[in-house]
Protein backbone atom coordinates (compact mmCIF):
# COMPACT_ATOMS: atom_id res chain seq x y z
CA UNK A 1 -13.89 23.74 -27.69
CA UNK A 2 -13.52 27.51 -27.96
CA UNK A 3 -14.83 27.95 -24.46
CA UNK A 4 -12.30 25.55 -22.95
CA UNK A 5 -9.44 27.13 -24.90
CA UNK A 6 -10.47 30.63 -23.81
CA UNK A 7 -10.65 29.48 -20.17
CA UNK A 8 -7.14 28.05 -20.52
CA UNK A 9 -5.87 31.38 -21.82
CA UNK A 10 -7.76 33.19 -19.07
CA UNK A 11 -6.15 31.04 -16.37
CA UNK A 12 -2.68 31.86 -17.63
CA UNK A 13 -3.14 35.62 -17.81
CA UNK A 14 -5.78 36.67 -15.30
CA UNK A 15 -6.00 34.73 -12.07
CA UNK A 16 -8.77 35.80 -9.72
CA UNK A 17 -9.56 39.34 -10.77
CA UNK A 18 -12.69 39.27 -8.54
CA UNK A 19 -14.41 41.74 -10.91
CA UNK A 20 -13.36 44.61 -8.61
CA UNK A 21 -12.13 46.78 -11.45
CA UNK A 22 -14.38 49.24 -13.24
CA UNK A 23 -15.94 47.33 -16.12
CA UNK A 24 -16.94 48.80 -19.46
CA UNK A 25 -20.36 47.19 -19.81
CA UNK A 26 -20.59 48.08 -23.49
CA UNK A 27 -17.32 46.41 -24.55
CA UNK A 28 -17.16 42.62 -24.88
CA UNK A 29 -14.36 40.31 -26.01
CA UNK A 30 -15.38 36.88 -27.25
CA UNK A 31 -13.38 33.97 -28.70
CA UNK A 32 -14.07 33.11 -32.33
CA UNK A 33 -12.96 30.33 -34.66
CA UNK A 34 -11.14 32.57 -37.15
CA UNK A 35 -11.26 35.99 -38.83
CA UNK A 36 -13.87 35.15 -41.45
CA UNK A 37 -17.05 37.17 -41.98
CA UNK A 38 -19.12 34.30 -40.60
CA UNK A 39 -17.08 34.15 -37.38
CA UNK A 40 -17.34 37.93 -37.08
CA UNK A 41 -21.14 37.85 -37.29
CA UNK A 42 -21.40 34.96 -34.82
CA UNK A 43 -19.06 36.82 -32.46
CA UNK A 44 -21.10 40.03 -32.66
CA UNK A 45 -24.30 38.15 -31.83
CA UNK A 46 -22.58 36.42 -28.91
CA UNK A 47 -21.11 39.70 -27.63
CA UNK A 48 -24.47 41.47 -27.89
CA UNK A 49 -26.10 38.78 -25.76
CA UNK A 50 -23.32 38.95 -23.15
CA UNK A 51 -23.58 42.73 -22.99
CA UNK A 52 -27.34 42.66 -22.36
CA UNK A 53 -26.87 40.05 -19.63
CA UNK A 54 -24.31 42.29 -17.90
CA UNK A 55 -26.54 45.35 -18.03
CA UNK A 56 -29.87 43.75 -17.13
CA UNK A 57 -28.69 41.06 -14.72
CA UNK A 58 -30.83 38.48 -16.53
CA UNK A 59 -29.13 35.57 -18.30
CA UNK A 60 -32.32 34.91 -20.29
CA UNK A 61 -32.87 38.51 -21.39
CA UNK A 62 -32.95 37.69 -25.12
CA UNK A 63 -36.03 35.55 -24.47
CA UNK A 64 -37.90 38.50 -22.94
CA UNK A 65 -41.16 39.30 -24.81
CA UNK A 66 -40.64 42.97 -23.87
CA UNK A 67 -37.37 43.10 -25.78
CA UNK A 68 -38.36 41.34 -29.02
CA UNK A 69 -40.48 44.16 -30.56
CA UNK A 70 -37.55 46.59 -30.31
CA UNK A 71 -34.68 44.21 -31.09
CA UNK A 72 -33.10 44.60 -34.52
CA UNK A 73 -29.85 43.29 -35.94
CA UNK A 74 -27.14 43.55 -33.22
CA UNK A 75 -24.86 45.18 -35.81
CA UNK A 76 -27.16 48.21 -35.68
CA UNK A 77 -25.84 48.89 -32.15
CA UNK A 78 -22.14 48.63 -33.01
CA UNK A 79 -19.62 51.33 -32.18
CA UNK A 80 -16.48 49.42 -33.21
CA UNK A 81 -15.33 45.86 -33.83
CA UNK A 82 -11.99 44.22 -34.51
CA UNK A 83 -10.01 41.00 -34.25
CA UNK A 84 -7.08 40.41 -31.93
CA UNK A 85 -4.97 37.40 -31.08
CA UNK A 86 -3.76 36.05 -27.77
CA UNK A 87 -0.99 33.47 -27.41
CA UNK A 88 -1.07 30.71 -24.82
CA UNK A 89 1.61 31.44 -22.22
CA UNK A 90 2.29 27.70 -21.93
CA UNK A 91 2.77 27.03 -25.62
CA UNK A 92 3.45 29.33 -28.58
CA UNK A 93 1.93 26.78 -30.92
CA UNK A 94 -1.64 27.80 -30.05
CA UNK A 95 -3.12 31.24 -30.62
CA UNK A 96 -6.67 32.26 -29.70
CA UNK A 97 -8.56 34.64 -31.96
CA UNK A 98 -10.69 37.14 -30.08
CA UNK A 99 -13.32 39.55 -31.36
CA UNK A 100 -13.24 42.91 -29.57
CA UNK A 101 -16.73 44.42 -29.80
CA UNK A 102 -17.80 47.82 -28.49
CA UNK A 103 -21.46 48.77 -28.66
CA UNK A 104 -22.84 52.28 -28.90
CA UNK A 105 -24.06 53.22 -25.45
CA UNK A 106 -26.79 55.74 -26.42
CA UNK A 107 -28.32 53.23 -28.85
CA UNK A 108 -28.27 50.42 -26.30
CA UNK A 109 -29.67 52.66 -23.55
CA UNK A 110 -32.46 53.74 -25.88
CA UNK A 111 -33.30 50.10 -26.61
CA UNK A 112 -33.49 49.25 -22.90
CA UNK A 113 -35.60 52.32 -22.17
CA UNK A 114 -38.03 51.62 -25.03
CA UNK A 115 -38.42 48.00 -23.93
CA UNK A 116 -38.79 49.13 -20.29
CA UNK A 117 -36.42 46.43 -19.09
CA UNK A 118 -35.08 46.35 -15.53
CA UNK A 119 -31.36 47.14 -15.49
CA UNK A 120 -28.68 47.04 -12.80
CA UNK A 121 -27.26 50.43 -11.78
CA UNK A 122 -23.61 51.06 -12.52
CA UNK A 123 -23.22 51.23 -8.74
CA UNK A 124 -23.34 47.50 -8.17
CA UNK A 125 -23.53 45.20 -5.14
CA UNK A 126 -20.57 43.18 -3.91
CA UNK A 127 -21.15 39.64 -2.67
CA UNK A 128 -19.34 37.40 -0.22
CA UNK A 129 -18.87 33.93 -1.71
CA UNK A 130 -18.48 30.72 0.26
CA UNK A 131 -16.91 28.41 -2.32
CA UNK A 132 -16.41 24.86 -1.03
CA UNK A 133 -14.51 22.08 -2.76
CA UNK A 134 -13.98 18.37 -2.08
CA UNK A 135 -11.67 16.17 -4.12
CA UNK A 136 -9.89 12.87 -3.64
CA UNK A 137 -6.42 14.38 -3.22
CA UNK A 138 -7.01 17.06 -0.56
CA UNK A 139 -10.51 16.53 0.81
CA UNK A 140 -12.94 19.26 1.83
CA UNK A 141 -11.86 22.88 1.94
CA UNK A 142 -13.31 26.38 2.16
CA UNK A 143 -11.77 28.57 -0.52
CA UNK A 144 -10.37 31.65 1.22
CA UNK A 145 -8.59 34.75 -0.06
CA UNK A 146 -5.02 33.57 0.50
CA UNK A 147 -5.79 30.19 -1.08
CA UNK A 148 -7.30 31.86 -4.14
CA UNK A 149 -4.16 33.97 -4.63
CA UNK A 150 -1.81 30.97 -4.52
CA UNK A 151 -3.49 28.58 -6.93
CA UNK A 152 -1.61 27.03 -9.85
CA UNK A 153 -3.01 27.01 -13.36
CA UNK A 154 -2.63 23.25 -13.70
CA UNK A 155 -4.59 22.00 -10.69
CA UNK A 156 -8.27 21.29 -10.12
CA UNK A 157 -8.76 24.05 -7.54
CA UNK A 158 -7.37 26.62 -9.94
CA UNK A 159 -9.73 25.40 -12.66
CA UNK A 160 -12.67 25.77 -10.27
CA UNK A 161 -11.71 29.24 -9.06
CA UNK A 162 -11.07 30.53 -12.55
CA UNK A 163 -14.29 29.04 -13.92
CA UNK A 164 -16.14 30.80 -11.10
CA UNK A 165 -14.28 34.07 -11.62
CA UNK A 166 -14.96 34.04 -15.36
CA UNK A 167 -18.67 33.43 -14.73
CA UNK A 168 -18.84 36.35 -12.28
CA UNK A 169 -16.97 38.65 -14.64
CA UNK A 170 -19.49 37.73 -17.33
CA UNK A 171 -22.12 39.19 -14.98
CA UNK A 172 -19.93 42.24 -14.12
CA UNK A 173 -20.60 41.71 -10.42
CA UNK A 174 -17.93 42.09 -7.73
CA UNK A 175 -17.28 39.39 -5.14
CA UNK A 176 -14.71 38.26 -2.60
CA UNK A 177 -13.89 35.14 -0.62
CA UNK A 178 -13.84 35.00 3.21
CA UNK A 179 -10.62 34.90 5.23
CA UNK A 180 -11.81 31.73 6.94
CA UNK A 181 -9.52 32.45 9.86
CA UNK A 182 -10.11 31.39 13.47
CA UNK A 183 -12.99 33.84 13.90
CA UNK A 184 -14.75 32.42 10.85
CA UNK A 185 -14.10 28.84 11.94
CA UNK A 186 -15.64 29.50 15.36
CA UNK A 187 -18.77 30.84 13.66
CA UNK A 188 -18.87 28.30 10.85
CA UNK A 189 -17.32 24.85 11.07
CA UNK A 190 -16.19 23.04 7.95
CA UNK A 191 -19.06 20.54 8.31
CA UNK A 192 -21.61 23.34 8.71
CA UNK A 193 -20.21 25.12 5.66
CA UNK A 194 -20.27 21.93 3.60
CA UNK A 195 -23.87 21.26 4.68
CA UNK A 196 -24.74 24.82 3.53
CA UNK A 197 -26.43 25.55 6.88
CA UNK A 198 -28.03 28.96 6.62
CA UNK A 199 -27.74 30.28 10.19
CA UNK A 200 -24.01 29.53 10.70
CA UNK A 201 -23.18 30.93 7.26
CA UNK A 202 -25.25 34.03 7.98
CA UNK A 203 -23.47 34.44 11.33
CA UNK A 204 -20.00 34.10 9.81
CA UNK A 205 -20.91 36.54 7.04
CA UNK A 206 -21.84 39.36 9.42
CA UNK A 207 -18.24 40.52 9.90
CA UNK A 208 -17.79 41.25 6.20
CA UNK A 209 -18.90 44.41 4.42
CA UNK A 210 -20.90 42.59 1.76
CA UNK A 211 -24.25 43.32 0.17
CA UNK A 212 -25.18 39.66 0.35
CA UNK A 213 -23.74 36.15 0.33
CA UNK A 214 -24.14 32.88 -1.49
CA UNK A 215 -22.48 29.47 -1.30
CA UNK A 216 -21.48 26.84 -3.85
CA UNK A 217 -20.03 23.43 -2.99
CA UNK A 218 -18.37 21.21 -5.56
CA UNK A 219 -17.37 17.54 -5.28
CA UNK A 220 -15.32 15.65 -7.85
CA UNK A 221 -16.07 11.93 -7.79
CA UNK A 222 -13.55 9.19 -8.61
CA UNK A 223 -15.20 8.70 -12.01
CA UNK A 224 -14.58 12.35 -12.86
CA UNK A 225 -18.22 13.48 -12.58
CA UNK A 226 -18.85 16.82 -10.89
CA UNK A 227 -21.56 17.05 -8.25
CA UNK A 228 -22.49 20.07 -6.23
CA UNK A 229 -25.06 22.30 -4.61
CA UNK A 230 -25.74 26.00 -4.26
CA UNK A 231 -27.43 28.05 -1.57
CA UNK A 232 -28.37 31.70 -1.24
CA UNK A 233 -30.85 33.90 0.56
CA UNK A 234 -33.32 36.12 -1.25
CA UNK A 235 -36.28 38.09 0.14
CA UNK A 236 -35.75 36.46 3.51
CA UNK A 237 -36.03 32.93 2.14
CA UNK A 238 -33.27 30.39 1.72
CA UNK A 239 -32.91 28.87 -1.74
CA UNK A 240 -30.99 25.66 -2.42
CA UNK A 241 -30.46 23.44 -5.45
CA UNK A 242 -28.25 20.57 -6.66
CA UNK A 243 -26.33 20.15 -9.89
CA UNK A 244 -24.22 17.46 -11.55
CA UNK A 245 -22.46 16.85 -14.85
CA UNK A 246 -19.13 16.27 -16.54
CA UNK A 247 -18.01 19.81 -17.42
CA UNK A 248 -16.91 21.96 -14.48
CA UNK A 249 -17.00 25.24 -16.40
CA UNK A 250 -20.54 24.68 -17.69
CA UNK A 251 -21.83 23.70 -14.24
CA UNK A 252 -20.30 26.72 -12.53
CA UNK A 253 -21.66 29.04 -15.23
CA UNK A 254 -25.16 27.58 -14.85
CA UNK A 255 -24.95 27.87 -11.05
CA UNK A 256 -23.77 31.48 -11.12
CA UNK A 257 -26.47 32.41 -13.63
CA UNK A 258 -29.16 30.77 -11.51
CA UNK A 259 -28.01 32.63 -8.39
CA UNK A 260 -27.43 36.00 -10.04
CA UNK A 261 -30.73 35.98 -11.96
CA UNK A 262 -32.54 35.84 -8.63
CA UNK A 263 -30.28 37.87 -6.33
CA UNK A 264 -29.84 40.80 -8.71
CA UNK A 265 -33.59 41.35 -9.15
CA UNK A 266 -33.79 43.51 -6.05
CA UNK A 267 -30.97 45.76 -7.31
CA UNK A 268 -32.54 46.68 -10.65
CA UNK A 269 -34.57 49.67 -11.76
CA UNK A 270 -36.63 50.45 -14.86
CA UNK A 271 -35.40 53.54 -16.77
CA UNK A 272 -38.13 56.13 -17.18
CA UNK A 273 -39.27 57.23 -20.64
CA UNK A 274 -40.28 60.66 -19.39
CA UNK A 275 -41.19 62.34 -16.14
CA UNK A 276 -42.88 65.44 -14.80
CA UNK A 277 -41.27 64.93 -11.40
CA UNK A 278 -38.47 66.99 -9.92
CA UNK A 279 -35.12 65.47 -10.84
CA UNK A 280 -32.41 65.44 -8.16
CA UNK A 281 -28.88 64.58 -9.31
CA UNK A 282 -26.20 63.54 -6.81
CA UNK A 283 -22.65 63.02 -8.12
CA UNK A 284 -19.91 61.03 -6.43
CA UNK A 285 -22.04 58.17 -5.13
CA UNK A 286 -19.24 55.68 -5.59
CA UNK A 287 -20.48 52.52 -3.89
CA UNK A 288 -23.64 50.50 -3.52
CA UNK A 289 -23.73 51.22 0.22
CA UNK A 290 -23.62 54.96 -0.49
CA UNK A 291 -26.41 54.52 -3.02
CA UNK A 292 -28.52 52.76 -0.36
CA UNK A 293 -27.74 55.52 2.15
CA UNK A 294 -28.83 58.24 -0.30
CA UNK A 295 -32.11 56.51 -1.17
CA UNK A 296 -32.89 55.86 2.49
CA UNK A 297 -32.19 59.47 3.43
CA UNK A 298 -34.33 60.82 0.57
CA UNK A 299 -37.25 58.58 1.60
CA UNK A 300 -37.13 60.08 5.10
CA UNK A 301 -37.34 63.71 3.98
CA UNK A 302 -40.57 65.37 5.08
CA UNK A 303 -41.24 67.03 1.72
CA UNK A 304 -40.80 63.83 -0.28
CA UNK A 305 -44.08 62.11 -1.10
CA UNK A 306 -42.66 59.53 -3.51
CA UNK A 307 -39.43 58.89 -5.31
CA UNK A 308 -38.18 56.67 -8.08
CA UNK A 309 -34.72 55.93 -9.42
CA UNK A 310 -34.40 57.70 -12.76
CA UNK A 311 -30.89 56.77 -13.86
CA UNK A 312 -27.47 55.75 -12.61
CA UNK A 313 -24.28 56.40 -14.58
CA UNK A 314 -21.21 55.30 -12.64
CA UNK A 315 -21.15 57.75 -9.69
CA UNK A 316 -24.00 59.94 -10.98
CA UNK A 317 -27.34 59.16 -9.34
CA UNK A 318 -30.55 60.81 -10.59
CA UNK A 319 -33.81 60.40 -8.66
CA UNK A 320 -37.29 61.53 -9.76
CA UNK A 321 -39.16 62.96 -6.77
CA UNK A 322 -42.76 63.96 -6.03
CA UNK A 323 -42.56 66.75 -3.46
CA UNK A 324 -45.13 68.30 -1.15
CA UNK A 325 -43.96 71.90 -1.39
CA UNK A 326 -41.49 74.06 -3.26
CA UNK A 327 -38.17 72.97 -4.75
CA UNK A 328 -36.24 75.56 -2.70
CA UNK A 329 -37.61 74.02 0.50
CA UNK A 330 -36.50 70.58 -0.63
CA UNK A 331 -33.09 72.05 -1.43
CA UNK A 332 -32.78 73.42 2.07
CA UNK A 333 -33.97 70.15 3.59
CA UNK A 334 -31.43 68.19 1.55
CA UNK A 335 -28.54 70.44 2.63
CA UNK A 336 -29.69 70.06 6.21
CA UNK A 337 -29.10 66.32 6.11
CA UNK A 338 -25.36 66.82 5.62
CA UNK A 339 -25.18 64.03 3.03
CA UNK A 340 -24.83 66.41 0.06
CA UNK A 341 -23.22 69.71 -0.85
CA UNK A 342 -24.29 72.09 -3.65
CA UNK A 343 -22.69 71.24 -6.97
CA UNK A 344 -22.94 73.03 -10.31
CA UNK A 345 -22.67 70.36 -13.00
CA UNK A 346 -21.16 71.22 -16.38
CA UNK A 347 -23.20 68.46 -18.04
CA UNK A 348 -25.99 69.90 -20.23
CA UNK A 349 -28.22 67.03 -19.19
CA UNK A 350 -28.29 68.51 -15.68
CA UNK A 351 -30.25 71.58 -16.79
CA UNK A 352 -33.53 71.72 -14.87
CA UNK A 353 -32.28 69.47 -12.08
CA UNK A 354 -31.21 70.08 -8.52
CA UNK A 355 -27.57 68.99 -8.57
CA UNK A 356 -25.41 68.00 -5.61
CA UNK A 357 -22.25 66.14 -4.66
CA UNK A 358 -22.32 63.25 -2.21
CA UNK A 359 -20.72 64.21 1.11
CA UNK A 360 -21.81 61.31 3.31
CA UNK A 361 -19.56 58.85 5.10
């Protein structure tokens, strides 16, 4: 019941945010029954789980055997917690109680490092989403950007889009819908899209600056049951699965989790406990494509024998490098690429590192 009420509130106040904004991964707001101590503890546990899912990209992270030896009471990781209330814009008679939970970043980062869990860098991928819907009233449609911006909170399409958006925001992953203009339609017909045909979808997706794509189709039968399918490509192989049930929100959440658990694996790294490698810090790497460009360029340097992602904090990228030669030669080789400029960081953590600022296109 809480979930449906929170979705209702969400639809009224936040239509299609697309998760483009910078997200505080360590702050979570969850709906609770009331302001009792019991609800507070339940809310903290729920928020802690949601936070770990966002950071690791794994919806089943609490079941990880690597995590259990280091996991204590979630309250041990708290920074702050408080209740707030949100009124329904449609009716003043109903008020949702929310628990605003902020976790202590150093403590959480230490937990993840000790457990050696893969985590998603703060520089995250952005996916193109082919969302397809079929209902009795309007038939089959491809959800496109302009359609998503004009939905009404009371209709079925709006419920679908907002359920999807809420599920993606829970993963803190950016996405966008296609234009589905004439160019898209020539590459991908409505029947091909509905059939989730890989090659036409791949062809239509090429024009967009996305780090990957996936597709979800949803059909609402006359008896109210929801049926659908999902498709995505991972490691060169096409994956497809069906789903059905009575609750649209639950089905979309399960579908998004299934897709993200697989697709995000290739974007994760394991934080290092310690290293005797040379650390190279590059600030200002503000997008996933820039991150890919930096890693590719570093791999091609003659002096680099091996490299490993050490940490990512928003636009700050730190790479641990094994070099065949002196650090000053690597410095000169790096400057010669034109992708970085010298940068003296004021952060004490940068002591002992080669520090630069991203200058690539």
